[in-house]
Amino acid sequence: RNMSSAGPEGRKKMRECDGLIDSLVYYIQGAIADHEPNDKATENCVCILHNLSYQLEMELPDSYAQSIYMQRRNISSNDKTPGCFGTRSRKVKEKQQDTPLPEEKSNPRGVESLWHSTLIRIYLSLIAKSTRNYTQEASLGALQNLTAGTGPMPFAVARTVVQKANGLPSIRSMLHVSHPTVKKTAVSLLRNLSRNTSLQSDIAKEVLPDLVSILPESVPGSDIVCETTASICYTLYNLTQSSSHNARLLLSAHGLPKIITISMNDSSKASRAASVLLYSLWSHTDLHSAFKK
């Protein structure tokens, strides 16, 4: 577990180590099957996998990049063809949201397991069943890492979490735990998921009222609460930016007074995020009279 946080070279060596990732996944599967999700060794295994999934999209060897990042052949030639990694134009990014991953292998091995739906379901199962804060945080954090990039893999993982594995109820319950880092990681994961336009209506329906309910009534004092609040505001921004319906949902959940109060203090990250959200909400001209009320 300590070695897995040793930086890019350490992660690379551990990902390449024959049988290591498979063994970790095998152990966790056994613990879940034996109804022992709070086992300390399970926590260690999940924390290792969490660390090994960090910056995975950027650090994948070229051989995987070739097979995973099958660019759409119909991207017109006047678009700049993006590389496997690095920055992509918004236009290309939008096209890639709909680019499916190649069919999943039924028996993934080694590094392939890190983004496979089997492991995604294991993380969601641990989020739902474990009461160990570190296990919950590492499971949420691994999913956050896997959904952090802009390529097909993060969007495919996001679709698996939201639509195929029905993961939102488990993530939603983590918004209401008392442990601040677990809550912060759950919100960060939702922020990543909410960037995927095809999932926004599902996410809004399931968690938007909960996100509003955990917004503080005033500018938060502690750094971690401030970061969590900023993340909530940016998630709400993603969900409401193109949807008048979701903006109305935010309104009916009594979110506006809270967001206005948070935006009053110019100096904090949370206040800036709340201001960006307010500015975006005002672009829904059909809601102006409701906003004024």
C-alpha atoms as a PDB file:
ATOM      1  CA  ARG A   1       0.000   0.000   0.000  1.00  0.00           C
ATOM      2  CA  ASN A   2       2.848   2.396   0.848  1.00  0.00           C
ATOM      3  CA  MET A   3       4.768   1.409  -2.276  1.00  0.00           C
ATOM      4  CA  SER A   4       1.753   2.054  -4.504  1.00  0.00           C
ATOM      5  CA  SER A   5       1.890   5.754  -3.631  1.00  0.00           C
ATOM      6  CA  ALA A   6       5.549   6.061  -4.654  1.00  0.00           C
ATOM      7  CA  GLY A   7       4.883   8.006  -7.866  1.00  0.00           C
ATOM      8  CA  PRO A   8       4.673   7.208 -11.608  1.00  0.00           C
ATOM      9  CA  GLU A   9       7.610   4.773 -11.733  1.00  0.00           C
ATOM     10  CA  GLY A  10       6.358   2.830  -8.730  1.00  0.00           C
ATOM     11  CA  ARG A  11       2.849   2.618 -10.216  1.00  0.00           C
ATOM     12  CA  LYS A  12       4.265   1.460 -13.560  1.00  0.00           C
ATOM     13  CA  LYS A  13       6.313  -1.345 -11.964  1.00  0.00           C
ATOM     14  CA  MET A  14       3.382  -2.539  -9.863  1.00  0.00           C
ATOM     15  CA  ARG A  15       0.945  -2.484 -12.798  1.00  0.00           C
ATOM     16  CA  GLU A  16       3.425  -4.557 -14.804  1.00  0.00           C
ATOM     17  CA  CYS A  17       4.024  -7.075 -12.010  1.00  0.00           C
ATOM     18  CA  ASP A  18       2.570 -10.369 -13.225  1.00  0.00           C
ATOM     19  CA  GLY A  19      -0.428 -11.485 -11.174  1.00  0.00           C
ATOM     20  CA  LEU A  20      -0.359  -8.646  -8.617  1.00  0.00           C
ATOM     21  CA  ILE A  21      -3.535  -6.797  -9.701  1.00  0.00           C
ATOM     22  CA  ASP A  22      -5.326 -10.122 -10.341  1.00  0.00           C
ATOM     23  CA  SER A  23      -4.484 -11.261  -6.798  1.00  0.00           C
ATOM     24  CA  LEU A  24      -5.743  -8.046  -5.227  1.00  0.00           C
ATOM     25  CA  VAL A  25      -9.042  -8.273  -7.143  1.00  0.00           C
ATOM     26  CA  TYR A  26      -9.351 -11.989  -6.261  1.00  0.00           C
ATOM     27  CA  TYR A  27      -8.847 -11.244  -2.551  1.00  0.00           C
ATOM     28  CA  ILE A  28     -11.496  -8.492  -2.495  1.00  0.00           C
ATOM     29  CA  GLN A  29     -13.987 -10.689  -4.376  1.00  0.00           C
ATOM     30  CA  GLY A  30     -13.479 -13.383  -1.745  1.00  0.00           C
ATOM     31  CA  ALA A  31     -13.981 -10.929   1.112  1.00  0.00           C
ATOM     32  CA  ILE A  32     -17.239  -9.652  -0.408  1.00  0.00           C
ATOM     33  CA  ALA A  33     -18.445 -13.233  -1.041  1.00  0.00           C
ATOM     34  CA  ASP A  34     -17.666 -14.088   2.611  1.00  0.00           C
ATOM     35  CA  HIS A  35     -19.562 -10.969   3.773  1.00  0.00           C
ATOM     36  CA  GLU A  36     -16.388  -9.421   5.212  1.00  0.00           C
ATOM     37  CA  PRO A  37     -16.228  -5.995   3.521  1.00  0.00           C
ATOM     38  CA  ASN A  38     -14.703  -4.435   6.663  1.00  0.00           C
ATOM     39  CA  ASP A  39     -11.645  -6.683   6.647  1.00  0.00           C
ATOM     40  CA  LYS A  40      -8.415  -4.652   7.086  1.00  0.00           C
ATOM     41  CA  ALA A  41      -6.642  -6.509   4.251  1.00  0.00           C
ATOM     42  CA  THR A  42      -9.549  -5.626   1.929  1.00  0.00           C
ATOM     43  CA  GLU A  43      -8.992  -1.969   2.840  1.00  0.00           C
ATOM     44  CA  ASN A  44      -5.294  -2.332   1.960  1.00  0.00           C
ATOM     45  CA  CYS A  45      -6.113  -4.028  -1.383  1.00  0.00           C
ATOM     46  CA  VAL A  46      -8.604  -1.314  -2.360  1.00  0.00           C
ATOM     47  CA  CYS A  47      -6.170   1.446  -1.389  1.00  0.00           C
ATOM     48  CA  ILE A  48      -3.491  -0.161  -3.624  1.00  0.00           C
ATOM     49  CA  LEU A  49      -5.926  -0.399  -6.567  1.00  0.00           C
ATOM     50  CA  HIS A  50      -6.978   3.216  -5.910  1.00  0.00           C
ATOM     51  CA  ASN A  51      -3.348   4.326  -6.194  1.00  0.00           C
ATOM     52  CA  LEU A  52      -2.708   2.173  -9.284  1.00  0.00           C
ATOM     53  CA  SER A  53      -5.699   3.735 -11.046  1.00  0.00           C
ATOM     54  CA  TYR A  54      -4.280   7.250 -10.541  1.00  0.00           C
ATOM     55  CA  GLN A  55      -3.522   8.952 -13.899  1.00  0.00           C
ATOM     56  CA  LEU A  56      -4.137   5.585 -15.561  1.00  0.00           C
ATOM     57  CA  GLU A  57      -5.314   7.083 -18.837  1.00  0.00           C
ATOM     58  CA  MET A  58      -2.123   9.127 -19.194  1.00  0.00           C
ATOM     59  CA  GLU A  59       0.257   6.414 -18.031  1.00  0.00           C
ATOM     60  CA  LEU A  60      -1.052   3.453 -20.049  1.00  0.00           C
ATOM     61  CA  PRO A  61       1.585   1.836 -22.265  1.00  0.00           C
ATOM     62  CA  ASP A  62       1.234   2.417 -26.017  1.00  0.00           C
ATOM     63  CA  SER A  63       0.057  -1.140 -26.697  1.00  0.00           C
ATOM     64  CA  TYR A  64      -3.092  -0.507 -24.620  1.00  0.00           C
ATOM     65  CA  ALA A  65      -3.534   2.980 -26.029  1.00  0.00           C
ATOM     66  CA  GLN A  66      -3.739   1.472 -29.520  1.00  0.00           C
ATOM     67  CA  SER A  67      -6.478  -1.007 -28.605  1.00  0.00           C
ATOM     68  CA  ILE A  68      -8.514   1.265 -26.325  1.00  0.00           C
ATOM     69  CA  TYR A  69      -8.392   4.548 -28.165  1.00  0.00           C
ATOM     70  CA  MET A  70      -9.813   3.475 -31.492  1.00  0.00           C
ATOM     71  CA  GLN A  71     -10.471   6.880 -33.011  1.00  0.00           C
ATOM     72  CA  ARG A  72     -13.634   7.195 -35.021  1.00  0.00           C
ATOM     73  CA  ARG A  73     -12.740   6.818 -38.665  1.00  0.00           C
ATOM     74  CA  ASN A  74     -15.417   9.336 -39.647  1.00  0.00           C
ATOM     75  CA  ILE A  75     -13.880  12.317 -37.850  1.00  0.00           C
ATOM     76  CA  SER A  76     -13.587  14.632 -40.810  1.00  0.00           C
ATOM     77  CA  SER A  77     -10.073  15.295 -42.043  1.00  0.00           C
ATOM     78  CA  ASN A  78     -10.289  19.032 -41.403  1.00  0.00           C
ATOM     79  CA  ASP A  79     -10.612  18.320 -37.654  1.00  0.00           C
ATOM     80  CA  LYS A  80      -7.278  17.953 -35.978  1.00  0.00           C
ATOM     81  CA  THR A  81      -6.899  14.256 -35.240  1.00  0.00           C
ATOM     82  CA  PRO A  82      -6.203  14.056 -31.527  1.00  0.00           C
ATOM     83  CA  GLY A  83      -3.439  11.966 -30.020  1.00  0.00           C
ATOM     84  CA  CYS A  84      -4.246   9.197 -27.593  1.00  0.00           C
ATOM     85  CA  PHE A  85      -3.421  11.483 -24.694  1.00  0.00           C
ATOM     86  CA  GLY A  86      -3.041  15.203 -24.142  1.00  0.00           C
ATOM     87  CA  THR A  87      -5.496  17.962 -24.882  1.00  0.00           C
ATOM     88  CA  ARG A  88      -8.417  17.534 -27.217  1.00  0.00           C
ATOM     89  CA  SER A  89     -10.679  20.099 -28.787  1.00  0.00           C
ATOM     90  CA  ARG A  90     -14.227  20.417 -27.435  1.00  0.00           C
ATOM     91  CA  LYS A  91     -15.602  19.195 -30.783  1.00  0.00           C
ATOM     92  CA  VAL A  92     -13.532  16.016 -30.678  1.00  0.00           C
ATOM     93  CA  LYS A  93     -14.292  15.527 -26.992  1.00  0.00           C
ATOM     94  CA  GLU A  94     -18.022  15.619 -27.706  1.00  0.00           C
ATOM     95  CA  LYS A  95     -17.638  13.037 -30.450  1.00  0.00           C
ATOM     96  CA  GLN A  96     -15.607  10.800 -28.169  1.00  0.00           C
ATOM     97  CA  GLN A  97     -18.304  10.802 -25.507  1.00  0.00           C
ATOM     98  CA  ASP A  98     -20.247   8.549 -27.858  1.00  0.00           C
ATOM     99  CA  THR A  99     -17.282   6.402 -28.867  1.00  0.00           C
ATOM    100  CA  PRO A 100     -17.715   3.026 -27.209  1.00  0.00           C
ATOM    101  CA  LEU A 101     -14.789   1.082 -25.834  1.00  0.00           C
ATOM    102  CA  PRO A 102     -13.950  -2.097 -27.687  1.00  0.00           C
ATOM    103  CA  GLU A 103     -15.890  -5.041 -26.314  1.00  0.00           C
ATOM    104  CA  GLU A 104     -14.789  -5.914 -22.795  1.00  0.00           C
ATOM    105  CA  LYS A 105     -12.697  -9.018 -22.336  1.00  0.00           C
ATOM    106  CA  SER A 106     -14.538 -11.638 -20.345  1.00  0.00           C
ATOM    107  CA  ASN A 107     -11.336 -12.567 -18.485  1.00  0.00           C
ATOM    108  CA  PRO A 108      -9.302  -9.384 -18.022  1.00  0.00           C
ATOM    109  CA  ARG A 109      -5.737  -9.783 -16.810  1.00  0.00           C
ATOM    110  CA  GLY A 110      -3.427  -7.420 -14.995  1.00  0.00           C
ATOM    111  CA  VAL A 111      -3.797  -3.749 -15.874  1.00  0.00           C
ATOM    112  CA  GLU A 112      -6.919  -4.468 -17.995  1.00  0.00           C
ATOM    113  CA  SER A 113      -8.770  -5.251 -14.751  1.00  0.00           C
ATOM    114  CA  LEU A 114      -8.334  -1.697 -13.490  1.00  0.00           C
ATOM    115  CA  TRP A 115     -11.034  -0.258 -15.793  1.00  0.00           C
ATOM    116  CA  HIS A 116     -13.088  -3.442 -16.259  1.00  0.00           C
ATOM    117  CA  SER A 117     -16.770  -3.430 -15.257  1.00  0.00           C
ATOM    118  CA  THR A 118     -16.121  -6.304 -12.813  1.00  0.00           C
ATOM    119  CA  LEU A 119     -13.878  -4.096 -10.681  1.00  0.00           C
ATOM    120  CA  ILE A 120     -16.228  -1.098 -11.070  1.00  0.00           C
ATOM    121  CA  ARG A 121     -19.020  -3.239  -9.602  1.00  0.00           C
ATOM    122  CA  ILE A 122     -16.703  -4.377  -6.783  1.00  0.00           C
ATOM    123  CA  TYR A 123     -15.998  -0.738  -5.852  1.00  0.00           C
ATOM    124  CA  LEU A 124     -19.736   0.050  -5.845  1.00  0.00           C
ATOM    125  CA  SER A 125     -20.402  -3.035  -3.727  1.00  0.00           C
ATOM    126  CA  LEU A 126     -17.788  -1.939  -1.163  1.00  0.00           C
ATOM    127  CA  ILE A 127     -19.206   1.603  -1.101  1.00  0.00           C
ATOM    128  CA  ALA A 128     -22.603   0.090  -0.276  1.00  0.00           C
ATOM    129  CA  LYS A 129     -21.488  -2.609   2.171  1.00  0.00           C
ATOM    130  CA  SER A 130     -18.321  -1.493   3.944  1.00  0.00           C
ATOM    131  CA  THR A 131     -18.456   0.735   7.011  1.00  0.00           C
ATOM    132  CA  ARG A 132     -14.691   1.411   7.001  1.00  0.00           C
ATOM    133  CA  ASN A 133     -14.100   5.029   5.994  1.00  0.00           C
ATOM    134  CA  TYR A 134     -10.773   4.260   4.274  1.00  0.00           C
ATOM    135  CA  THR A 135     -12.363   1.473   2.201  1.00  0.00           C
ATOM    136  CA  GLN A 136     -15.270   3.727   1.203  1.00  0.00           C
ATOM    137  CA  GLU A 137     -12.933   6.612   0.358  1.00  0.00           C
ATOM    138  CA  ALA A 138     -10.537   4.398  -1.654  1.00  0.00           C
ATOM    139  CA  SER A 139     -13.421   2.831  -3.632  1.00  0.00           C
ATOM    140  CA  LEU A 140     -14.890   6.258  -4.429  1.00  0.00           C
ATOM    141  CA  GLY A 141     -11.390   7.579  -5.156  1.00  0.00           C
ATOM    142  CA  ALA A 142     -10.611   4.755  -7.598  1.00  0.00           C
ATOM    143  CA  LEU A 143     -13.823   5.532  -9.514  1.00  0.00           C
ATOM    144  CA  GLN A 144     -12.934   9.236  -9.368  1.00  0.00           C
ATOM    145  CA  ASN A 145      -9.509   8.453 -10.893  1.00  0.00           C
ATOM    146  CA  LEU A 146     -11.033   6.312 -13.642  1.00  0.00           C
ATOM    147  CA  THR A 147     -13.550   9.010 -14.625  1.00  0.00           C
ATOM    148  CA  ALA A 148     -11.081  11.911 -14.495  1.00  0.00           C
ATOM    149  CA  GLY A 149      -9.823  12.097 -18.100  1.00  0.00           C
ATOM    150  CA  THR A 150     -11.422  13.160 -21.373  1.00  0.00           C
ATOM    151  CA  GLY A 151     -10.932  10.048 -23.512  1.00  0.00           C
ATOM    152  CA  PRO A 152     -13.270   7.144 -24.215  1.00  0.00           C
ATOM    153  CA  MET A 153     -12.203   5.183 -21.121  1.00  0.00           C
ATOM    154  CA  PRO A 154     -13.398   7.722 -18.497  1.00  0.00           C
ATOM    155  CA  PHE A 155     -16.712   8.185 -20.310  1.00  0.00           C
ATOM    156  CA  ALA A 156     -17.200   4.424 -20.667  1.00  0.00           C
ATOM    157  CA  VAL A 157     -16.487   3.942 -16.957  1.00  0.00           C
ATOM    158  CA  ALA A 158     -18.945   6.755 -16.152  1.00  0.00           C
ATOM    159  CA  ARG A 159     -21.650   5.043 -18.215  1.00  0.00           C
ATOM    160  CA  THR A 160     -20.987   1.752 -16.426  1.00  0.00           C
ATOM    161  CA  VAL A 161     -21.256   3.422 -13.000  1.00  0.00           C
ATOM    162  CA  VAL A 162     -24.470   5.316 -13.757  1.00  0.00           C
ATOM    163  CA  GLN A 163     -26.398   3.146 -16.214  1.00  0.00           C
ATOM    164  CA  LYS A 164     -25.088  -0.421 -16.255  1.00  0.00           C
ATOM    165  CA  ALA A 165     -24.202  -0.934 -12.581  1.00  0.00           C
ATOM    166  CA  ASN A 166     -26.814   1.442 -11.074  1.00  0.00           C
ATOM    167  CA  GLY A 167     -24.170   2.989  -8.844  1.00  0.00           C
ATOM    168  CA  LEU A 168     -25.812   6.336  -8.074  1.00  0.00           C
ATOM    169  CA  PRO A 169     -27.818   5.191  -4.991  1.00  0.00           C
ATOM    170  CA  SER A 170     -24.614   3.954  -3.283  1.00  0.00           C
ATOM    171  CA  ILE A 171     -22.714   7.139  -4.151  1.00  0.00           C
ATOM    172  CA  ARG A 172     -25.689   9.234  -3.041  1.00  0.00           C
ATOM    173  CA  SER A 173     -25.652   7.637   0.430  1.00  0.00           C
ATOM    174  CA  MET A 174     -21.992   8.724   0.823  1.00  0.00           C
ATOM    175  CA  LEU A 175     -23.064  12.382   0.512  1.00  0.00           C
ATOM    176  CA  HIS A 176     -24.674  12.092   3.933  1.00  0.00           C
ATOM    177  CA  VAL A 177     -21.858  10.448   5.929  1.00  0.00           C
ATOM    178  CA  SER A 178     -20.186  12.472   8.655  1.00  0.00           C
ATOM    179  CA  HIS A 179     -16.629  11.707   7.503  1.00  0.00           C
ATOM    180  CA  PRO A 180     -15.523  14.831   5.552  1.00  0.00           C
ATOM    181  CA  THR A 181     -13.027  13.132   3.191  1.00  0.00           C
ATOM    182  CA  VAL A 182     -15.490  10.404   2.182  1.00  0.00           C
ATOM    183  CA  LYS A 183     -18.096  13.076   1.433  1.00  0.00           C
ATOM    184  CA  LYS A 184     -15.561  15.187  -0.503  1.00  0.00           C
ATOM    185  CA  THR A 185     -14.482  12.201  -2.642  1.00  0.00           C
ATOM    186  CA  ALA A 186     -18.111  11.247  -3.369  1.00  0.00           C
ATOM    187  CA  VAL A 187     -18.802  14.801  -4.581  1.00  0.00           C
ATOM    188  CA  SER A 188     -15.613  14.821  -6.700  1.00  0.00           C
ATOM    189  CA  LEU A 189     -16.715  11.559  -8.342  1.00  0.00           C
ATOM    190  CA  LEU A 190     -20.164  13.042  -9.096  1.00  0.00           C
ATOM    191  CA  ARG A 191     -18.481  16.110 -10.564  1.00  0.00           C
ATOM    192  CA  ASN A 192     -16.556  13.852 -12.985  1.00  0.00           C
ATOM    193  CA  LEU A 193     -19.672  11.859 -13.855  1.00  0.00           C
ATOM    194  CA  SER A 194     -21.696  15.038 -14.461  1.00  0.00           C
ATOM    195  CA  ARG A 195     -19.372  16.114 -17.306  1.00  0.00           C
ATOM    196  CA  ASN A 196     -20.878  13.357 -19.447  1.00  0.00           C
ATOM    197  CA  THR A 197     -23.878  15.022 -21.133  1.00  0.00           C
ATOM    198  CA  SER A 198     -25.660  11.729 -21.835  1.00  0.00           C
ATOM    199  CA  LEU A 199     -25.782  10.962 -18.073  1.00  0.00           C
ATOM    200  CA  GLN A 200     -26.832  14.365 -16.760  1.00  0.00           C
ATOM    201  CA  SER A 201     -30.587  13.767 -16.577  1.00  0.00           C
ATOM    202  CA  ASP A 202     -30.070  10.486 -14.649  1.00  0.00           C
ATOM    203  CA  ILE A 203     -27.647  12.141 -12.231  1.00  0.00           C
ATOM    204  CA  ALA A 204     -29.875  15.198 -11.693  1.00  0.00           C
ATOM    205  CA  LYS A 205     -32.931  13.047 -10.995  1.00  0.00           C
ATOM    206  CA  GLU A 206     -31.050  10.856  -8.504  1.00  0.00           C
ATOM    207  CA  VAL A 207     -28.727  13.237  -6.626  1.00  0.00           C
ATOM    208  CA  LEU A 208     -29.396  16.927  -7.420  1.00  0.00           C
ATOM    209  CA  PRO A 209     -31.693  17.486  -4.391  1.00  0.00           C
ATOM    210  CA  ASP A 210     -29.118  15.733  -2.159  1.00  0.00           C
ATOM    211  CA  LEU A 211     -26.305  17.944  -3.452  1.00  0.00           C
ATOM    212  CA  VAL A 212     -28.391  21.027  -2.642  1.00  0.00           C
ATOM    213  CA  SER A 213     -29.266  19.664   0.812  1.00  0.00           C
ATOM    214  CA  ILE A 214     -25.581  19.252   1.806  1.00  0.00           C
ATOM    215  CA  LEU A 215     -24.627  22.765   0.671  1.00  0.00           C
ATOM    216  CA  PRO A 216     -23.736  24.803   3.774  1.00  0.00           C
ATOM    217  CA  GLU A 217     -25.956  27.750   4.741  1.00  0.00           C
ATOM    218  CA  SER A 218     -22.969  30.119   4.671  1.00  0.00           C
ATOM    219  CA  VAL A 219     -19.354  30.301   3.460  1.00  0.00           C
ATOM    220  CA  PRO A 220     -17.595  27.253   4.978  1.00  0.00           C
ATOM    221  CA  GLY A 221     -14.683  27.796   7.327  1.00  0.00           C
ATOM    222  CA  SER A 222     -12.545  24.668   6.939  1.00  0.00           C
ATOM    223  CA  ASP A 223     -10.517  23.962   3.780  1.00  0.00           C
ATOM    224  CA  ILE A 224     -12.014  20.527   3.160  1.00  0.00           C
ATOM    225  CA  VAL A 225     -15.616  21.790   3.490  1.00  0.00           C
ATOM    226  CA  CYS A 226     -14.728  24.731   1.244  1.00  0.00           C
ATOM    227  CA  GLU A 227     -13.356  22.359  -1.426  1.00  0.00           C
ATOM    228  CA  THR A 228     -16.390  20.089  -1.132  1.00  0.00           C
ATOM    229  CA  THR A 229     -18.720  23.097  -1.489  1.00  0.00           C
ATOM    230  CA  ALA A 230     -16.850  24.308  -4.595  1.00  0.00           C
ATOM    231  CA  SER A 231     -17.121  20.805  -6.092  1.00  0.00           C
ATOM    232  CA  ILE A 232     -20.876  20.705  -5.393  1.00  0.00           C
ATOM    233  CA  CYS A 233     -21.307  24.060  -7.151  1.00  0.00           C
ATOM    234  CA  TYR A 234     -19.364  22.898 -10.220  1.00  0.00           C
ATOM    235  CA  THR A 235     -21.387  19.646 -10.316  1.00  0.00           C
ATOM    236  CA  LEU A 236     -24.620  21.671 -10.187  1.00  0.00           C
ATOM    237  CA  TYR A 237     -23.185  23.931 -12.899  1.00  0.00           C
ATOM    238  CA  ASN A 238     -22.602  20.886 -15.153  1.00  0.00           C
ATOM    239  CA  LEU A 239     -26.108  19.569 -14.486  1.00  0.00           C
ATOM    240  CA  THR A 240     -27.959  22.864 -15.018  1.00  0.00           C
ATOM    241  CA  GLN A 241     -25.886  24.595 -17.712  1.00  0.00           C
ATOM    242  CA  SER A 242     -27.808  23.104 -20.661  1.00  0.00           C
ATOM    243  CA  SER A 243     -30.984  22.067 -18.869  1.00  0.00           C
ATOM    244  CA  SER A 244     -33.724  24.426 -17.840  1.00  0.00           C
ATOM    245  CA  HIS A 245     -35.499  21.452 -16.263  1.00  0.00           C
ATOM    246  CA  ASN A 246     -32.517  20.729 -13.967  1.00  0.00           C
ATOM    247  CA  ALA A 247     -32.199  24.440 -13.118  1.00  0.00           C
ATOM    248  CA  ARG A 248     -35.860  24.402 -12.055  1.00  0.00           C
ATOM    249  CA  LEU A 249     -35.136  21.294  -9.972  1.00  0.00           C
ATOM    250  CA  LEU A 250     -32.367  23.209  -8.176  1.00  0.00           C
ATOM    251  CA  LEU A 251     -34.799  26.060  -7.587  1.00  0.00           C
ATOM    252  CA  SER A 252     -37.498  23.810  -6.121  1.00  0.00           C
ATOM    253  CA  ALA A 253     -34.892  22.187  -3.834  1.00  0.00           C
ATOM    254  CA  HIS A 254     -34.380  25.702  -2.314  1.00  0.00           C
ATOM    255  CA  GLY A 255     -30.809  25.905  -3.568  1.00  0.00           C
ATOM    256  CA  LEU A 256     -30.776  29.528  -4.681  1.00  0.00           C
ATOM    257  CA  PRO A 257     -30.611  31.293  -1.266  1.00  0.00           C
ATOM    258  CA  LYS A 258     -27.728  29.032  -0.201  1.00  0.00           C
ATOM    259  CA  ILE A 259     -25.791  29.617  -3.427  1.00  0.00           C
ATOM    260  CA  ILE A 260     -26.288  33.396  -3.196  1.00  0.00           C
ATOM    261  CA  THR A 261     -25.041  33.416   0.417  1.00  0.00           C
ATOM    262  CA  ILE A 262     -21.967  31.328  -0.453  1.00  0.00           C
ATOM    263  CA  SER A 263     -21.172  33.626  -3.389  1.00  0.00           C
ATOM    264  CA  MET A 264     -21.049  36.725  -1.161  1.00  0.00           C
ATOM    265  CA  ASN A 265     -17.474  36.128   0.052  1.00  0.00           C
ATOM    266  CA  ASP A 266     -15.132  36.910  -2.847  1.00  0.00           C
ATOM    267  CA  SER A 267     -12.002  35.336  -1.405  1.00  0.00           C
ATOM    268  CA  SER A 268     -12.830  31.624  -1.237  1.00  0.00           C
ATOM    269  CA  LYS A 269     -12.821  28.876  -3.864  1.00  0.00           C
ATOM    270  CA  ALA A 270     -16.397  28.004  -2.854  1.00  0.00           C
ATOM    271  CA  SER A 271     -17.579  31.599  -3.393  1.00  0.00           C
ATOM    272  CA  ARG A 272     -16.064  31.763  -6.859  1.00  0.00           C
ATOM    273  CA  ALA A 273     -17.697  28.445  -7.803  1.00  0.00           C
ATOM    274  CA  ALA A 274     -21.076  29.671  -6.468  1.00  0.00           C
ATOM    275  CA  SER A 275     -20.728  32.866  -8.541  1.00  0.00           C
ATOM    276  CA  VAL A 276     -20.000  30.873 -11.707  1.00  0.00           C
ATOM    277  CA  LEU A 277     -23.086  28.753 -10.990  1.00  0.00           C
ATOM    278  CA  LEU A 278     -25.298  31.836 -10.444  1.00  0.00           C
ATOM    279  CA  TYR A 279     -24.072  33.421 -13.669  1.00  0.00           C
ATOM    280  CA  SER A 280     -24.879  30.219 -15.565  1.00  0.00           C
ATOM    281  CA  LEU A 281     -28.337  29.882 -13.961  1.00  0.00           C
ATOM    282  CA  TRP A 282     -29.236  33.418 -15.066  1.00  0.00           C
ATOM    283  CA  SER A 283     -28.737  32.341 -18.702  1.00  0.00           C
ATOM    284  CA  HIS A 284     -32.055  30.421 -18.410  1.00  0.00           C
ATOM    285  CA  THR A 285     -34.216  33.417 -19.356  1.00  0.00           C
ATOM    286  CA  ASP A 286     -37.430  31.399 -18.975  1.00  0.00           C
ATOM    287  CA  LEU A 287     -36.703  31.151 -15.225  1.00  0.00           C
ATOM    288  CA  HIS A 288     -36.039  34.836 -14.537  1.00  0.00           C
ATOM    289  CA  SER A 289     -39.410  35.510 -12.936  1.00  0.00           C
ATOM    290  CA  ALA A 290     -39.078  32.394 -10.757  1.00  0.00           C
ATOM    291  CA  PHE A 291     -35.551  33.471  -9.754  1.00  0.00           C
ATOM    292  CA  LYS A 292     -36.800  36.962  -8.843  1.00  0.00           C
ATOM    293  CA  LYS A 293     -39.530  35.504  -6.634  1.00  0.00           C
END
